[in-house]
Amino acid sequence: MSQFEPPRFVTEQEMQVEELPWGAHDWLCRPELTGGDNLLLVRVHMPPGQAHRFHRHPEMDEIIYVLAGTAEQWVGHEKRFLTAGQIAHIPQDVVHGTYNPGTELLEFLAILSPARCDGPVLIDMCQEEPWKSLRP
């Protein structure tokens, strides 16, 4: 029986593509792909008008790095518009959301750590106050 040898290079052939309601996800680094437990890296292609609405990661830190387009990025109660080359750092368990208010595709990298946790990875907050009232 052969042992899993994770790739050290991830190209279009190795990445794992997942379709989620807010856009296509190109998984470039995750335990099932690279064998590492410390990092997740996903490139998200978010169409105009879509959003990864308010949520939190109880045990993970996250960085959102914009590649193209404009992100309406919320971290807690603070909102900023981010463009290519800009980031948002989201500490663990802080409510945040990423919205594409523009007319162009929003592309960004989401880097999360650690890649594995004991509890839920994500908790949806968009139907709870004050989050559901912050954005129409």
C-alpha atoms as a PDB file:
ATOM      1  CA  MET A   1       0.000   0.000   0.000  1.00  0.00           C
ATOM      2  CA  SER A   2       1.491   3.358  -1.009  1.00  0.00           C
ATOM      3  CA  GLN A   3       1.565   6.335   1.326  1.00  0.00           C
ATOM      4  CA  PHE A   4       0.027   9.664   0.233  1.00  0.00           C
ATOM      5  CA  GLU A   5       2.708  11.934  -1.169  1.00  0.00           C
ATOM      6  CA  PRO A   6       1.338  15.480  -1.139  1.00  0.00           C
ATOM      7  CA  PRO A   7       2.328  17.738  -4.013  1.00  0.00           C
ATOM      8  CA  ARG A   8       4.828  20.501  -3.370  1.00  0.00           C
ATOM      9  CA  PHE A   9       3.537  22.426  -6.379  1.00  0.00           C
ATOM     10  CA  VAL A  10      -0.143  22.986  -7.075  1.00  0.00           C
ATOM     11  CA  THR A  11      -1.154  23.904 -10.610  1.00  0.00           C
ATOM     12  CA  GLU A  12      -4.499  23.935 -12.415  1.00  0.00           C
ATOM     13  CA  GLN A  13      -4.244  20.138 -12.686  1.00  0.00           C
ATOM     14  CA  GLU A  14      -3.909  19.559  -8.913  1.00  0.00           C
ATOM     15  CA  MET A  15      -6.117  22.322  -7.472  1.00  0.00           C
ATOM     16  CA  GLN A  16      -9.576  21.366  -6.279  1.00  0.00           C
ATOM     17  CA  VAL A  17     -12.449  23.453  -7.692  1.00  0.00           C
ATOM     18  CA  GLU A  18     -15.629  23.867  -5.689  1.00  0.00           C
ATOM     19  CA  GLU A  19     -18.754  25.801  -6.684  1.00  0.00           C
ATOM     20  CA  LEU A  20     -20.324  27.699  -3.780  1.00  0.00           C
ATOM     21  CA  PRO A  21     -23.299  30.102  -3.866  1.00  0.00           C
ATOM     22  CA  TRP A  22     -21.052  33.185  -3.760  1.00  0.00           C
ATOM     23  CA  GLY A  23     -18.623  32.014  -6.460  1.00  0.00           C
ATOM     24  CA  ALA A  24     -16.168  29.424  -7.687  1.00  0.00           C
ATOM     25  CA  HIS A  25     -13.415  28.406  -5.261  1.00  0.00           C
ATOM     26  CA  ASP A  26     -10.018  27.206  -6.455  1.00  0.00           C
ATOM     27  CA  TRP A  27      -8.516  25.344  -3.500  1.00  0.00           C
ATOM     28  CA  LEU A  28      -4.745  25.659  -3.706  1.00  0.00           C
ATOM     29  CA  CYS A  29      -3.751  24.565  -0.204  1.00  0.00           C
ATOM     30  CA  ARG A  30      -5.758  22.391   2.188  1.00  0.00           C
ATOM     31  CA  PRO A  31      -4.953  19.249   4.184  1.00  0.00           C
ATOM     32  CA  GLU A  32      -6.511  16.844   1.671  1.00  0.00           C
ATOM     33  CA  LEU A  33      -4.419  18.392  -1.102  1.00  0.00           C
ATOM     34  CA  THR A  34      -1.055  19.321   0.408  1.00  0.00           C
ATOM     35  CA  GLY A  35      -1.009  17.304   3.612  1.00  0.00           C
ATOM     36  CA  GLY A  36      -0.443  20.380   5.800  1.00  0.00           C
ATOM     37  CA  ASP A  37      -2.618  21.184   8.815  1.00  0.00           C
ATOM     38  CA  ASN A  38      -1.598  24.822   9.278  1.00  0.00           C
ATOM     39  CA  LEU A  39      -2.840  26.657   6.172  1.00  0.00           C
ATOM     40  CA  LEU A  40      -5.816  26.940   3.868  1.00  0.00           C
ATOM     41  CA  LEU A  41      -5.531  28.946   0.658  1.00  0.00           C
ATOM     42  CA  VAL A  42      -8.404  29.459  -1.741  1.00  0.00           C
ATOM     43  CA  ARG A  43      -8.838  31.754  -4.734  1.00  0.00           C
ATOM     44  CA  VAL A  44     -12.432  32.974  -4.962  1.00  0.00           C
ATOM     45  CA  HIS A  45     -14.128  34.254  -8.126  1.00  0.00           C
ATOM     46  CA  MET A  46     -17.118  36.295  -6.905  1.00  0.00           C
ATOM     47  CA  PRO A  47     -19.529  37.575  -9.571  1.00  0.00           C
ATOM     48  CA  PRO A  48     -21.077  41.061  -9.307  1.00  0.00           C
ATOM     49  CA  GLY A  49     -23.812  41.255  -6.691  1.00  0.00           C
ATOM     50  CA  GLN A  50     -22.675  38.125  -4.836  1.00  0.00           C
ATOM     51  CA  ALA A  51     -21.404  37.971  -1.274  1.00  0.00           C
ATOM     52  CA  HIS A  52     -20.022  35.748   1.416  1.00  0.00           C
ATOM     53  CA  ARG A  53     -22.367  37.291   3.944  1.00  0.00           C
ATOM     54  CA  PHE A  54     -21.588  37.905   7.593  1.00  0.00           C
ATOM     55  CA  HIS A  55     -20.013  34.900   9.271  1.00  0.00           C
ATOM     56  CA  ARG A  56     -17.235  34.019  11.689  1.00  0.00           C
ATOM     57  CA  HIS A  57     -14.542  31.377  12.075  1.00  0.00           C
ATOM     58  CA  PRO A  58     -14.370  30.511  15.809  1.00  0.00           C
ATOM     59  CA  GLU A  59     -10.887  28.960  15.660  1.00  0.00           C
ATOM     60  CA  MET A  60      -9.281  30.496  12.560  1.00  0.00           C
ATOM     61  CA  ASP A  61      -7.529  33.702  11.595  1.00  0.00           C
ATOM     62  CA  GLU A  62      -8.112  34.849   8.018  1.00  0.00           C
ATOM     63  CA  ILE A  63      -6.553  37.196   5.493  1.00  0.00           C
ATOM     64  CA  ILE A  64      -8.489  38.407   2.460  1.00  0.00           C
ATOM     65  CA  TYR A  65      -6.117  39.557  -0.328  1.00  0.00           C
ATOM     66  CA  VAL A  66      -7.787  41.215  -3.310  1.00  0.00           C
ATOM     67  CA  LEU A  67      -6.432  40.236  -6.726  1.00  0.00           C
ATOM     68  CA  ALA A  68      -8.917  42.071  -8.997  1.00  0.00           C
ATOM     69  CA  GLY A  69     -12.128  44.044  -8.687  1.00  0.00           C
ATOM     70  CA  THR A  70     -13.444  45.780  -5.584  1.00  0.00           C
ATOM     71  CA  ALA A  71     -14.443  44.125  -2.327  1.00  0.00           C
ATOM     72  CA  GLU A  72     -16.783  45.716   0.166  1.00  0.00           C
ATOM     73  CA  GLN A  73     -15.079  44.141   3.151  1.00  0.00           C
ATOM     74  CA  TRP A  74     -16.512  44.177   6.650  1.00  0.00           C
ATOM     75  CA  VAL A  75     -14.460  43.285   9.723  1.00  0.00           C
ATOM     76  CA  GLY A  76     -16.668  43.635  12.758  1.00  0.00           C
ATOM     77  CA  HIS A  77     -18.598  46.892  12.366  1.00  0.00           C
ATOM     78  CA  GLU A  78     -15.937  48.506  10.163  1.00  0.00           C
ATOM     79  CA  LYS A  79     -16.336  48.599   6.366  1.00  0.00           C
ATOM     80  CA  ARG A  80     -13.670  49.316   3.759  1.00  0.00           C
ATOM     81  CA  PHE A  81     -13.539  49.055  -0.006  1.00  0.00           C
ATOM     82  CA  LEU A  82     -10.476  47.053  -1.001  1.00  0.00           C
ATOM     83  CA  THR A  83      -8.880  46.862  -4.437  1.00  0.00           C
ATOM     84  CA  ALA A  84      -6.026  44.843  -5.935  1.00  0.00           C
ATOM     85  CA  GLY A  85      -3.073  44.451  -3.594  1.00  0.00           C
ATOM     86  CA  GLN A  86      -4.980  45.350  -0.415  1.00  0.00           C
ATOM     87  CA  ILE A  87      -5.828  43.033   2.474  1.00  0.00           C
ATOM     88  CA  ALA A  88      -8.088  42.647   5.459  1.00  0.00           C
ATOM     89  CA  HIS A  89      -6.938  40.671   8.490  1.00  0.00           C
ATOM     90  CA  ILE A  90      -9.732  38.971  10.410  1.00  0.00           C
ATOM     91  CA  PRO A  91      -8.827  37.616  13.852  1.00  0.00           C
ATOM     92  CA  GLN A  92     -10.455  34.392  14.949  1.00  0.00           C
ATOM     93  CA  ASP A  93     -14.132  34.575  15.917  1.00  0.00           C
ATOM     94  CA  VAL A  94     -14.597  38.109  14.500  1.00  0.00           C
ATOM     95  CA  VAL A  95     -17.704  38.527  12.349  1.00  0.00           C
ATOM     96  CA  HIS A  96     -16.897  39.563   8.785  1.00  0.00           C
ATOM     97  CA  GLY A  97     -18.327  39.563   5.282  1.00  0.00           C
ATOM     98  CA  THR A  98     -17.104  40.067   1.726  1.00  0.00           C
ATOM     99  CA  TYR A  99     -19.427  41.624  -0.865  1.00  0.00           C
ATOM    100  CA  ASN A 100     -18.972  42.417  -4.551  1.00  0.00           C
ATOM    101  CA  PRO A 101     -20.809  45.725  -5.066  1.00  0.00           C
ATOM    102  CA  GLY A 102     -19.219  46.339  -8.467  1.00  0.00           C
ATOM    103  CA  THR A 103     -19.980  45.383 -12.045  1.00  0.00           C
ATOM    104  CA  GLU A 104     -16.807  43.307 -12.513  1.00  0.00           C
ATOM    105  CA  LEU A 105     -15.727  39.944 -11.172  1.00  0.00           C
ATOM    106  CA  LEU A 106     -14.095  40.154  -7.740  1.00  0.00           C
ATOM    107  CA  GLU A 107     -11.128  37.823  -7.334  1.00  0.00           C
ATOM    108  CA  PHE A 108      -9.416  37.360  -4.002  1.00  0.00           C
ATOM    109  CA  LEU A 109      -7.317  34.956  -2.013  1.00  0.00           C
ATOM    110  CA  ALA A 110      -8.515  33.799   1.388  1.00  0.00           C
ATOM    111  CA  ILE A 111      -5.774  32.493   3.653  1.00  0.00           C
ATOM    112  CA  LEU A 112      -6.918  30.800   6.857  1.00  0.00           C
ATOM    113  CA  SER A 113      -5.032  29.223   9.730  1.00  0.00           C
ATOM    114  CA  PRO A 114      -5.068  26.664  11.191  1.00  0.00           C
ATOM    115  CA  ALA A 115      -6.494  24.408   8.496  1.00  0.00           C
ATOM    116  CA  ARG A 116      -8.124  22.069  11.005  1.00  0.00           C
ATOM    117  CA  CYS A 117     -10.149  22.883  14.100  1.00  0.00           C
ATOM    118  CA  ASP A 118     -12.148  21.072  16.776  1.00  0.00           C
ATOM    119  CA  GLY A 119     -15.433  22.917  16.369  1.00  0.00           C
ATOM    120  CA  PRO A 120     -17.319  24.274  13.380  1.00  0.00           C
ATOM    121  CA  VAL A 121     -15.184  25.924  10.703  1.00  0.00           C
ATOM    122  CA  LEU A 122     -17.789  28.598   9.952  1.00  0.00           C
ATOM    123  CA  ILE A 123     -20.818  30.039  11.761  1.00  0.00           C
ATOM    124  CA  ASP A 124     -23.330  32.031   9.712  1.00  0.00           C
ATOM    125  CA  MET A 125     -24.246  35.349  11.360  1.00  0.00           C
ATOM    126  CA  CYS A 126     -26.138  37.121   8.561  1.00  0.00           C
ATOM    127  CA  GLN A 127     -29.589  36.535  10.093  1.00  0.00           C
ATOM    128  CA  GLU A 128     -28.580  37.788  13.556  1.00  0.00           C
ATOM    129  CA  GLU A 129     -28.542  41.342  14.845  1.00  0.00           C
ATOM    130  CA  PRO A 130     -26.775  43.635  14.397  1.00  0.00           C
ATOM    131  CA  TRP A 131     -25.410  41.974  11.231  1.00  0.00           C
ATOM    132  CA  LYS A 132     -28.694  41.540   9.377  1.00  0.00           C
ATOM    133  CA  SER A 133     -29.421  45.269   9.715  1.00  0.00           C
ATOM    134  CA  LEU A 134     -25.978  46.565   8.665  1.00  0.00           C
ATOM    135  CA  ARG A 135     -26.532  45.884   4.978  1.00  0.00           C
ATOM    136  CA  PRO A 136     -29.831  45.956   3.106  1.00  0.00           C
END
